Amino acid sequence: DRSQAVREGYYGQAWALVVMLETRPAYREGFLRMLQAVASGNTRVDVGHNDASQVYYPSRIKTFLQHYLIDDWSRFEQDYVSFVREKARIREPGERP
């Protein structure tokens, strides 16, 4: 069903993001700093309830990522799309095998 496909798509995108942040030198240091802040409860950007409810505000995630690891959002989006295309082996239009 469509809702299952949406959840699976979201899950796949989330994992791709984590792998990119963990493995790309441009993002790794900030990603580790972000994880340390989350683990210690010392995040400087409010993304949701600070409890076990797992409630968060998607509209605040961009600000959260920018605070810890992204200076240029446009470049980040390009890097993410390139990373996903590379991992999924999707070619750019007109690109030869």
PDB file of N, CA and C in Angstrom:
ATOM      1  N   ASP A   1       0.824  -1.184   0.000  1.00  0.00           N
ATOM      2  CA  ASP A   1       0.000   0.000   0.000  1.00  0.00           C
ATOM      3  C   ASP A   1       0.871   1.252   0.000  1.00  0.00           C
ATOM      4  N   ARG A   2       0.272   2.378  -0.326  1.00  0.00           N
ATOM      5  CA  ARG A   2       1.029   3.618  -0.484  1.00  0.00           C
ATOM      6  C   ARG A   2       1.707   4.057   0.802  1.00  0.00           C
ATOM      7  N   SER A   3       1.029   3.941   1.932  1.00  0.00           N
ATOM      8  CA  SER A   3       1.639   4.378   3.190  1.00  0.00           C
ATOM      9  C   SER A   3       2.863   3.528   3.536  1.00  0.00           C
ATOM     10  N   GLN A   4       2.831   2.260   3.220  1.00  0.00           N
ATOM     11  CA  GLN A   4       3.994   1.389   3.429  1.00  0.00           C
ATOM     12  C   GLN A   4       5.140   1.832   2.533  1.00  0.00           C
ATOM     13  N   ALA A   5       4.856   2.145   1.288  1.00  0.00           N
ATOM     14  CA  ALA A   5       5.889   2.606   0.362  1.00  0.00           C
ATOM     15  C   ALA A   5       6.494   3.929   0.828  1.00  0.00           C
ATOM     16  N   VAL A   6       5.664   4.811   1.343  1.00  0.00           N
ATOM     17  CA  VAL A   6       6.155   6.101   1.849  1.00  0.00           C
ATOM     18  C   VAL A   6       7.084   5.870   3.042  1.00  0.00           C
ATOM     19  N   ARG A   7       6.687   5.013   3.964  1.00  0.00           N
ATOM     20  CA  ARG A   7       7.532   4.708   5.130  1.00  0.00           C
ATOM     21  C   ARG A   7       8.857   4.092   4.704  1.00  0.00           C
ATOM     22  N   GLU A   8       8.807   3.160   3.758  1.00  0.00           N
ATOM     23  CA  GLU A   8      10.034   2.522   3.291  1.00  0.00           C
ATOM     24  C   GLU A   8      10.939   3.525   2.580  1.00  0.00           C
ATOM     25  N   GLY A   9      10.344   4.428   1.804  1.00  0.00           N
ATOM     26  CA  GLY A   9      11.123   5.461   1.138  1.00  0.00           C
ATOM     27  C   GLY A   9      11.796   6.385   2.140  1.00  0.00           C
ATOM     28  N   TYR A  10      11.055   6.781   3.165  1.00  0.00           N
ATOM     29  CA  TYR A  10      11.605   7.640   4.214  1.00  0.00           C
ATOM     30  C   TYR A  10      12.756   6.931   4.931  1.00  0.00           C
ATOM     31  N   TYR A  11      12.550   5.685   5.275  1.00  0.00           N
ATOM     32  CA  TYR A  11      13.569   4.897   5.966  1.00  0.00           C
ATOM     33  C   TYR A  11      14.839   4.811   5.122  1.00  0.00           C
ATOM     34  N   GLY A  12      14.680   4.536   3.843  1.00  0.00           N
ATOM     35  CA  GLY A  12      15.834   4.450   2.947  1.00  0.00           C
ATOM     36  C   GLY A  12      16.572   5.771   2.842  1.00  0.00           C
ATOM     37  N   GLN A  13      15.833   6.858   2.753  1.00  0.00           N
ATOM     38  CA  GLN A  13      16.459   8.182   2.671  1.00  0.00           C
ATOM     39  C   GLN A  13      17.183   8.528   3.970  1.00  0.00           C
ATOM     40  N   ALA A  14      16.576   8.170   5.094  1.00  0.00           N
ATOM     41  CA  ALA A  14      17.208   8.447   6.391  1.00  0.00           C
ATOM     42  C   ALA A  14      18.526   7.680   6.520  1.00  0.00           C
ATOM     43  N   TRP A  15      18.528   6.414   6.127  1.00  0.00           N
ATOM     44  CA  TRP A  15      19.761   5.633   6.199  1.00  0.00           C
ATOM     45  C   TRP A  15      20.808   6.177   5.244  1.00  0.00           C
ATOM     46  N   ALA A  16      20.408   6.578   4.055  1.00  0.00           N
ATOM     47  CA  ALA A  16      21.366   7.158   3.112  1.00  0.00           C
ATOM     48  C   ALA A  16      22.004   8.410   3.717  1.00  0.00           C
ATOM     49  N   LEU A  17      21.188   9.229   4.369  1.00  0.00           N
ATOM     50  CA  LEU A  17      21.702  10.443   4.997  1.00  0.00           C
ATOM     51  C   LEU A  17      22.722  10.096   6.080  1.00  0.00           C
ATOM     52  N   VAL A  18      22.401   9.146   6.941  1.00  0.00           N
ATOM     53  CA  VAL A  18      23.314   8.764   8.017  1.00  0.00           C
ATOM     54  C   VAL A  18      24.624   8.228   7.452  1.00  0.00           C
ATOM     55  N   VAL A  19      24.542   7.375   6.453  1.00  0.00           N
ATOM     56  CA  VAL A  19      25.764   6.815   5.855  1.00  0.00           C
ATOM     57  C   VAL A  19      26.600   7.926   5.236  1.00  0.00           C
ATOM     58  N   MET A  20      25.964   8.854   4.546  1.00  0.00           N
ATOM     59  CA  MET A  20      26.706   9.963   3.952  1.00  0.00           C
ATOM     60  C   MET A  20      27.386  10.802   5.031  1.00  0.00           C
ATOM     61  N   LEU A  21      26.660  11.152   6.081  1.00  0.00           N
ATOM     62  CA  LEU A  21      27.227  11.989   7.135  1.00  0.00           C
ATOM     63  C   LEU A  21      28.372  11.283   7.859  1.00  0.00           C
ATOM     64  N   GLU A  22      28.264   9.986   7.982  1.00  0.00           N
ATOM     65  CA  GLU A  22      29.291   9.222   8.685  1.00  0.00           C
ATOM     66  C   GLU A  22      30.540   8.976   7.837  1.00  0.00           C
ATOM     67  N   THR A  23      30.376   8.877   6.530  1.00  0.00           N
ATOM     68  CA  THR A  23      31.502   8.467   5.686  1.00  0.00           C
ATOM     69  C   THR A  23      32.151   9.585   4.884  1.00  0.00           C
ATOM     70  N   ARG A  24      31.465  10.687   4.686  1.00  0.00           N
ATOM     71  CA  ARG A  24      32.046  11.781   3.905  1.00  0.00           C
ATOM     72  C   ARG A  24      32.843  12.709   4.817  1.00  0.00           C
ATOM     73  N   PRO A  25      34.128  12.904   4.521  1.00  0.00           N
ATOM     74  CA  PRO A  25      34.965  13.745   5.377  1.00  0.00           C
ATOM     75  C   PRO A  25      34.396  15.147   5.628  1.00  0.00           C
ATOM     76  N   ALA A  26      33.716  15.714   4.656  1.00  0.00           N
ATOM     77  CA  ALA A  26      33.174  17.066   4.809  1.00  0.00           C
ATOM     78  C   ALA A  26      32.112  17.150   5.895  1.00  0.00           C
ATOM     79  N   TYR A  27      31.505  16.024   6.248  1.00  0.00           N
ATOM     80  CA  TYR A  27      30.400  16.019   7.209  1.00  0.00           C
ATOM     81  C   TYR A  27      30.682  15.227   8.485  1.00  0.00           C
ATOM     82  N   ARG A  28      31.654  14.350   8.445  1.00  0.00           N
ATOM     83  CA  ARG A  28      31.879  13.403   9.549  1.00  0.00           C
ATOM     84  C   ARG A  28      32.111  14.093  10.899  1.00  0.00           C
ATOM     85  N   GLU A  29      32.996  15.068  10.968  1.00  0.00           N
ATOM     86  CA  GLU A  29      33.312  15.709  12.249  1.00  0.00           C
ATOM     87  C   GLU A  29      32.072  16.374  12.863  1.00  0.00           C
ATOM     88  N   GLY A  30      31.324  17.097  12.050  1.00  0.00           N
ATOM     89  CA  GLY A  30      30.109  17.740  12.544  1.00  0.00           C
ATOM     90  C   GLY A  30      29.062  16.726  12.964  1.00  0.00           C
ATOM     91  N   PHE A  31      28.977  15.624  12.217  1.00  0.00           N
ATOM     92  CA  PHE A  31      28.017  14.565  12.548  1.00  0.00           C
ATOM     93  C   PHE A  31      28.343  13.961  13.910  1.00  0.00           C
ATOM     94  N   LEU A  32      29.621  13.679  14.150  1.00  0.00           N
ATOM     95  CA  LEU A  32      30.018  13.120  15.438  1.00  0.00           C
ATOM     96  C   LEU A  32      29.767  14.121  16.570  1.00  0.00           C
ATOM     97  N   ARG A  33      30.026  15.394  16.322  1.00  0.00           N
ATOM     98  CA  ARG A  33      29.753  16.438  17.316  1.00  0.00           C
ATOM     99  C   ARG A  33      28.253  16.494  17.630  1.00  0.00           C
ATOM    100  N   MET A  34      27.436  16.373  16.578  1.00  0.00           N
ATOM    101  CA  MET A  34      25.991  16.380  16.752  1.00  0.00           C
ATOM    102  C   MET A  34      25.537  15.178  17.577  1.00  0.00           C
ATOM    103  N   LEU A  35      26.065  13.993  17.271  1.00  0.00           N
ATOM    104  CA  LEU A  35      25.692  12.790  18.021  1.00  0.00           C
ATOM    105  C   LEU A  35      26.093  12.905  19.483  1.00  0.00           C
ATOM    106  N   GLN A  36      27.262  13.458  19.750  1.00  0.00           N
ATOM    107  CA  GLN A  36      27.707  13.639  21.136  1.00  0.00           C
ATOM    108  C   GLN A  36      26.769  14.587  21.878  1.00  0.00           C
ATOM    109  N   ALA A  37      26.354  15.651  21.215  1.00  0.00           N
ATOM    110  CA  ALA A  37      25.444  16.615  21.845  1.00  0.00           C
ATOM    111  C   ALA A  37      24.097  15.964  22.144  1.00  0.00           C
ATOM    112  N   VAL A  38      23.591  15.183  21.209  1.00  0.00           N
ATOM    113  CA  VAL A  38      22.308  14.507  21.414  1.00  0.00           C
ATOM    114  C   VAL A  38      22.425  13.498  22.558  1.00  0.00           C
ATOM    115  N   ALA A  39      23.496  12.721  22.556  1.00  0.00           N
ATOM    116  CA  ALA A  39      23.682  11.697  23.587  1.00  0.00           C
ATOM    117  C   ALA A  39      23.806  12.307  24.981  1.00  0.00           C
ATOM    118  N   SER A  40      24.406  13.484  25.059  1.00  0.00           N
ATOM    119  CA  SER A  40      24.596  14.119  26.366  1.00  0.00           C
ATOM    120  C   SER A  40      23.418  15.000  26.765  1.00  0.00           C
ATOM    121  N   GLY A  41      22.467  15.182  25.841  1.00  0.00           N
ATOM    122  CA  GLY A  41      21.319  16.029  26.124  1.00  0.00           C
ATOM    123  C   GLY A  41      21.632  17.510  26.032  1.00  0.00           C
ATOM    124  N   ASN A  42      22.743  17.845  25.391  1.00  0.00           N
ATOM    125  CA  ASN A  42      23.187  19.237  25.310  1.00  0.00           C
ATOM    126  C   ASN A  42      23.018  19.846  23.921  1.00  0.00           C
ATOM    127  N   THR A  43      21.956  19.505  23.240  1.00  0.00           N
ATOM    128  CA  THR A  43      21.748  20.098  21.921  1.00  0.00           C
ATOM    129  C   THR A  43      21.405  21.569  22.075  1.00  0.00           C
ATOM    130  N   ARG A  44      21.879  22.369  21.158  1.00  0.00           N
ATOM    131  CA  ARG A  44      21.645  23.809  21.228  1.00  0.00           C
ATOM    132  C   ARG A  44      20.467  24.235  20.364  1.00  0.00           C
ATOM    133  N   VAL A  45      19.888  23.281  19.675  1.00  0.00           N
ATOM    134  CA  VAL A  45      18.750  23.577  18.807  1.00  0.00           C
ATOM    135  C   VAL A  45      17.601  22.669  19.234  1.00  0.00           C
ATOM    136  N   ASP A  46      16.468  23.243  19.526  1.00  0.00           N
ATOM    137  CA  ASP A  46      15.299  22.483  19.963  1.00  0.00           C
ATOM    138  C   ASP A  46      14.597  21.877  18.749  1.00  0.00           C
ATOM    139  N   VAL A  47      14.541  20.551  18.701  1.00  0.00           N
ATOM    140  CA  VAL A  47      13.847  19.886  17.602  1.00  0.00           C
ATOM    141  C   VAL A  47      12.594  19.152  18.065  1.00  0.00           C
ATOM    142  N   GLY A  48      12.321  19.196  19.342  1.00  0.00           N
ATOM    143  CA  GLY A  48      11.119  18.525  19.836  1.00  0.00           C
ATOM    144  C   GLY A  48      11.181  18.310  21.327  1.00  0.00           C
ATOM    145  N   HIS A  49      10.300  17.466  21.806  1.00  0.00           N
ATOM    146  CA  HIS A  49      10.232  17.170  23.233  1.00  0.00           C
ATOM    147  C   HIS A  49      11.515  16.492  23.698  1.00  0.00           C
ATOM    148  N   ASN A  50      12.003  16.887  24.850  1.00  0.00           N
ATOM    149  CA  ASN A  50      13.199  16.278  25.415  1.00  0.00           C
ATOM    150  C   ASN A  50      12.776  15.145  26.357  1.00  0.00           C
ATOM    151  N   ASP A  51      12.144  14.146  25.763  1.00  0.00           N
ATOM    152  CA  ASP A  51      11.676  13.005  26.541  1.00  0.00           C
ATOM    153  C   ASP A  51      11.679  11.776  25.641  1.00  0.00           C
ATOM    154  N   ALA A  52      11.110  10.716  26.089  1.00  0.00           N
ATOM    155  CA  ALA A  52      11.112   9.468  25.319  1.00  0.00           C
ATOM    156  C   ALA A  52       9.948   9.383  24.336  1.00  0.00           C
ATOM    157  N   SER A  53       9.243  10.477  24.114  1.00  0.00           N
ATOM    158  CA  SER A  53       8.065  10.423  23.243  1.00  0.00           C
ATOM    159  C   SER A  53       8.422  10.267  21.770  1.00  0.00           C
ATOM    160  N   GLN A  54       9.654  10.569  21.411  1.00  0.00           N
ATOM    161  CA  GLN A  54      10.123  10.540  20.027  1.00  0.00           C
ATOM    162  C   GLN A  54       9.351  11.510  19.152  1.00  0.00           C
ATOM    163  N   VAL A  55       8.785  12.532  19.748  1.00  0.00           N
ATOM    164  CA  VAL A  55       8.106  13.581  18.997  1.00  0.00           C
ATOM    165  C   VAL A  55       9.147  14.617  18.617  1.00  0.00           C
ATOM    166  N   TYR A  56       9.184  14.959  17.350  1.00  0.00           N
ATOM    167  CA  TYR A  56      10.083  16.013  16.909  1.00  0.00           C
ATOM    168  C   TYR A  56       9.380  16.839  15.855  1.00  0.00           C
ATOM    169  N   TYR A  57       9.969  17.973  15.556  1.00  0.00           N
ATOM    170  CA  TYR A  57       9.371  18.906  14.606  1.00  0.00           C
ATOM    171  C   TYR A  57      10.210  18.929  13.334  1.00  0.00           C
ATOM    172  N   PRO A  58       9.733  18.288  12.255  1.00  0.00           N
ATOM    173  CA  PRO A  58      10.518  18.241  11.014  1.00  0.00           C
ATOM    174  C   PRO A  58      10.964  19.618  10.517  1.00  0.00           C
ATOM    175  N   SER A  59      10.167  20.640  10.767  1.00  0.00           N
ATOM    176  CA  SER A  59      10.532  21.975  10.293  1.00  0.00           C
ATOM    177  C   SER A  59      11.793  22.506  10.976  1.00  0.00           C
ATOM    178  N   ARG A  60      12.183  21.912  12.092  1.00  0.00           N
ATOM    179  CA  ARG A  60      13.375  22.360  12.809  1.00  0.00           C
ATOM    180  C   ARG A  60      14.631  21.555  12.475  1.00  0.00           C
ATOM    181  N   ILE A  61      14.485  20.480  11.749  1.00  0.00           N
ATOM    182  CA  ILE A  61      15.634  19.618  11.453  1.00  0.00           C
ATOM    183  C   ILE A  61      16.676  20.341  10.603  1.00  0.00           C
ATOM    184  N   LYS A  62      16.248  21.111   9.626  1.00  0.00           N
ATOM    185  CA  LYS A  62      17.196  21.845   8.785  1.00  0.00           C
ATOM    186  C   LYS A  62      18.067  22.752   9.653  1.00  0.00           C
ATOM    187  N   THR A  63      17.449  23.487  10.561  1.00  0.00           N
ATOM    188  CA  THR A  63      18.195  24.371  11.462  1.00  0.00           C
ATOM    189  C   THR A  63      19.166  23.566  12.320  1.00  0.00           C
ATOM    190  N   PHE A  64      18.719  22.415  12.778  1.00  0.00           N
ATOM    191  CA  PHE A  64      19.548  21.526  13.594  1.00  0.00           C
ATOM    192  C   PHE A  64      20.782  21.076  12.821  1.00  0.00           C
ATOM    193  N   LEU A  65      20.581  20.591  11.603  1.00  0.00           N
ATOM    194  CA  LEU A  65      21.701  20.146  10.775  1.00  0.00           C
ATOM    195  C   LEU A  65      22.631  21.305  10.447  1.00  0.00           C
ATOM    196  N   GLN A  66      22.062  22.456  10.125  1.00  0.00           N
ATOM    197  CA  GLN A  66      22.894  23.614   9.804  1.00  0.00           C
ATOM    198  C   GLN A  66      23.749  24.021  11.006  1.00  0.00           C
ATOM    199  N   HIS A  67      23.206  23.908  12.186  1.00  0.00           N
ATOM    200  CA  HIS A  67      23.962  24.290  13.386  1.00  0.00           C
ATOM    201  C   HIS A  67      25.203  23.415  13.568  1.00  0.00           C
ATOM    202  N   TYR A  68      25.073  22.135  13.337  1.00  0.00           N
ATOM    203  CA  TYR A  68      26.167  21.216  13.618  1.00  0.00           C
ATOM    204  C   TYR A  68      27.073  20.895  12.436  1.00  0.00           C
ATOM    205  N   LEU A  69      26.559  20.892  11.220  1.00  0.00           N
ATOM    206  CA  LEU A  69      27.431  20.377  10.171  1.00  0.00           C
ATOM    207  C   LEU A  69      27.270  20.933   8.770  1.00  0.00           C
ATOM    208  N   ILE A  70      26.389  21.857   8.534  1.00  0.00           N
ATOM    209  CA  ILE A  70      26.176  22.304   7.163  1.00  0.00           C
ATOM    210  C   ILE A  70      26.240  23.822   7.087  1.00  0.00           C
ATOM    211  N   ASP A  71      27.203  24.326   6.322  1.00  0.00           N
ATOM    212  CA  ASP A  71      27.300  25.771   6.111  1.00  0.00           C
ATOM    213  C   ASP A  71      26.494  26.195   4.882  1.00  0.00           C
ATOM    214  N   ASP A  72      26.570  25.388   3.845  1.00  0.00           N
ATOM    215  CA  ASP A  72      25.942  25.724   2.562  1.00  0.00           C
ATOM    216  C   ASP A  72      24.857  24.688   2.262  1.00  0.00           C
ATOM    217  N   TRP A  73      23.590  25.061   2.485  1.00  0.00           N
ATOM    218  CA  TRP A  73      22.493  24.112   2.328  1.00  0.00           C
ATOM    219  C   TRP A  73      22.366  23.624   0.889  1.00  0.00           C
ATOM    220  N   SER A  74      22.532  24.500  -0.078  1.00  0.00           N
ATOM    221  CA  SER A  74      22.434  24.095  -1.493  1.00  0.00           C
ATOM    222  C   SER A  74      23.489  23.046  -1.831  1.00  0.00           C
ATOM    223  N   ARG A  75      24.697  23.269  -1.348  1.00  0.00           N
ATOM    224  CA  ARG A  75      25.779  22.306  -1.585  1.00  0.00           C
ATOM    225  C   ARG A  75      25.459  20.971  -0.909  1.00  0.00           C
ATOM    226  N   PHE A  76      24.922  21.036   0.299  1.00  0.00           N
ATOM    227  CA  PHE A  76      24.542  19.823   1.018  1.00  0.00           C
ATOM    228  C   PHE A  76      23.504  19.023   0.224  1.00  0.00           C
ATOM    229  N   GLU A  77      22.489  19.708  -0.296  1.00  0.00           N
ATOM    230  CA  GLU A  77      21.463  19.019  -1.093  1.00  0.00           C
ATOM    231  C   GLU A  77      22.082  18.361  -2.320  1.00  0.00           C
ATOM    232  N   GLN A  78      22.994  19.061  -2.977  1.00  0.00           N
ATOM    233  CA  GLN A  78      23.672  18.487  -4.149  1.00  0.00           C
ATOM    234  C   GLN A  78      24.494  17.269  -3.746  1.00  0.00           C
ATOM    235  N   ASP A  79      25.228  17.383  -2.645  1.00  0.00           N
ATOM    236  CA  ASP A  79      26.036  16.253  -2.164  1.00  0.00           C
ATOM    237  C   ASP A  79      25.160  15.046  -1.849  1.00  0.00           C
ATOM    238  N   TYR A  80      24.016  15.296  -1.211  1.00  0.00           N
ATOM    239  CA  TYR A  80      23.123  14.201  -0.840  1.00  0.00           C
ATOM    240  C   TYR A  80      22.562  13.506  -2.085  1.00  0.00           C
ATOM    241  N   VAL A  81      22.085  14.276  -3.041  1.00  0.00           N
ATOM    242  CA  VAL A  81      21.542  13.696  -4.270  1.00  0.00           C
ATOM    243  C   VAL A  81      22.626  12.905  -4.998  1.00  0.00           C
ATOM    244  N   SER A  82      23.837  13.451  -5.091  1.00  0.00           N
ATOM    245  CA  SER A  82      24.942  12.741  -5.747  1.00  0.00           C
ATOM    246  C   SER A  82      25.275  11.447  -5.019  1.00  0.00           C
ATOM    247  N   PHE A  83      25.285  11.508  -3.696  1.00  0.00           N
ATOM    248  CA  PHE A  83      25.585  10.323  -2.893  1.00  0.00           C
ATOM    249  C   PHE A  83      24.550   9.234  -3.137  1.00  0.00           C
ATOM    250  N   VAL A  84      23.281   9.602  -3.099  1.00  0.00           N
ATOM    251  CA  VAL A  84      22.211   8.618  -3.309  1.00  0.00           C
ATOM    252  C   VAL A  84      22.284   8.049  -4.716  1.00  0.00           C
ATOM    253  N   ARG A  85      22.504   8.908  -5.700  1.00  0.00           N
ATOM    254  CA  ARG A  85      22.623   8.417  -7.079  1.00  0.00           C
ATOM    255  C   ARG A  85      23.790   7.444  -7.218  1.00  0.00           C
ATOM    256  N   GLU A  86      24.901   7.778  -6.589  1.00  0.00           N
ATOM    257  CA  GLU A  86      26.085   6.916  -6.636  1.00  0.00           C
ATOM    258  C   GLU A  86      25.783   5.558  -6.013  1.00  0.00           C
ATOM    259  N   LYS A  87      25.172   5.567  -4.841  1.00  0.00           N
ATOM    260  CA  LYS A  87      24.883   4.307  -4.148  1.00  0.00           C
ATOM    261  C   LYS A  87      23.815   3.487  -4.865  1.00  0.00           C
ATOM    262  N   ALA A  88      22.861   4.172  -5.473  1.00  0.00           N
ATOM    263  CA  ALA A  88      21.800   3.468  -6.197  1.00  0.00           C
ATOM    264  C   ALA A  88      22.185   3.207  -7.655  1.00  0.00           C
ATOM    265  N   ARG A  89      23.356   3.701  -8.027  1.00  0.00           N
ATOM    266  CA  ARG A  89      23.866   3.581  -9.396  1.00  0.00           C
ATOM    267  C   ARG A  89      22.893   4.188 -10.414  1.00  0.00           C
ATOM    268  N   ILE A  90      22.390   5.371 -10.066  1.00  0.00           N
ATOM    269  CA  ILE A  90      21.503   6.123 -10.960  1.00  0.00           C
ATOM    270  C   ILE A  90      22.350   7.133 -11.696  1.00  0.00           C
ATOM    271  N   ARG A  91      22.247   7.130 -12.998  1.00  0.00           N
ATOM    272  CA  ARG A  91      23.038   8.057 -13.818  1.00  0.00           C
ATOM    273  C   ARG A  91      22.285   9.363 -14.041  1.00  0.00           C
ATOM    274  N   GLU A  92      23.061  10.418 -14.193  1.00  0.00           N
ATOM    275  CA  GLU A  92      22.491  11.706 -14.567  1.00  0.00           C
ATOM    276  C   GLU A  92      21.952  11.589 -15.988  1.00  0.00           C
ATOM    277  N   PRO A  93      20.933  12.398 -16.337  1.00  0.00           N
ATOM    278  CA  PRO A  93      20.436  12.371 -17.723  1.00  0.00           C
ATOM    279  C   PRO A  93      21.565  12.635 -18.702  1.00  0.00           C
ATOM    280  N   GLY A  94      21.682  11.784 -19.692  1.00  0.00           N
ATOM    281  CA  GLY A  94      22.715  11.919 -20.719  1.00  0.00           C
ATOM    282  C   GLY A  94      24.050  11.307 -20.338  1.00  0.00           C
ATOM    283  N   GLU A  95      24.213  10.851 -19.108  1.00  0.00           N
ATOM    284  CA  GLU A  95      25.458  10.257 -18.658  1.00  0.00           C
ATOM    285  C   GLU A  95      25.591   8.850 -19.241  1.00  0.00           C
ATOM    286  N   ARG A  96      26.756   8.541 -19.725  1.00  0.00           N
ATOM    287  CA  ARG A  96      27.004   7.215 -20.334  1.00  0.00           C
ATOM    288  C   ARG A  96      27.478   6.230 -19.272  1.00  0.00           C
ATOM    289  N   PRO A  97      27.146   4.968 -19.475  1.00  0.00           N
ATOM    290  CA  PRO A  97      27.598   3.934 -18.514  1.00  0.00           C
ATOM    291  C   PRO A  97      29.110   3.758 -18.512  1.00  0.00           C
TER     292      PRO A  97
END
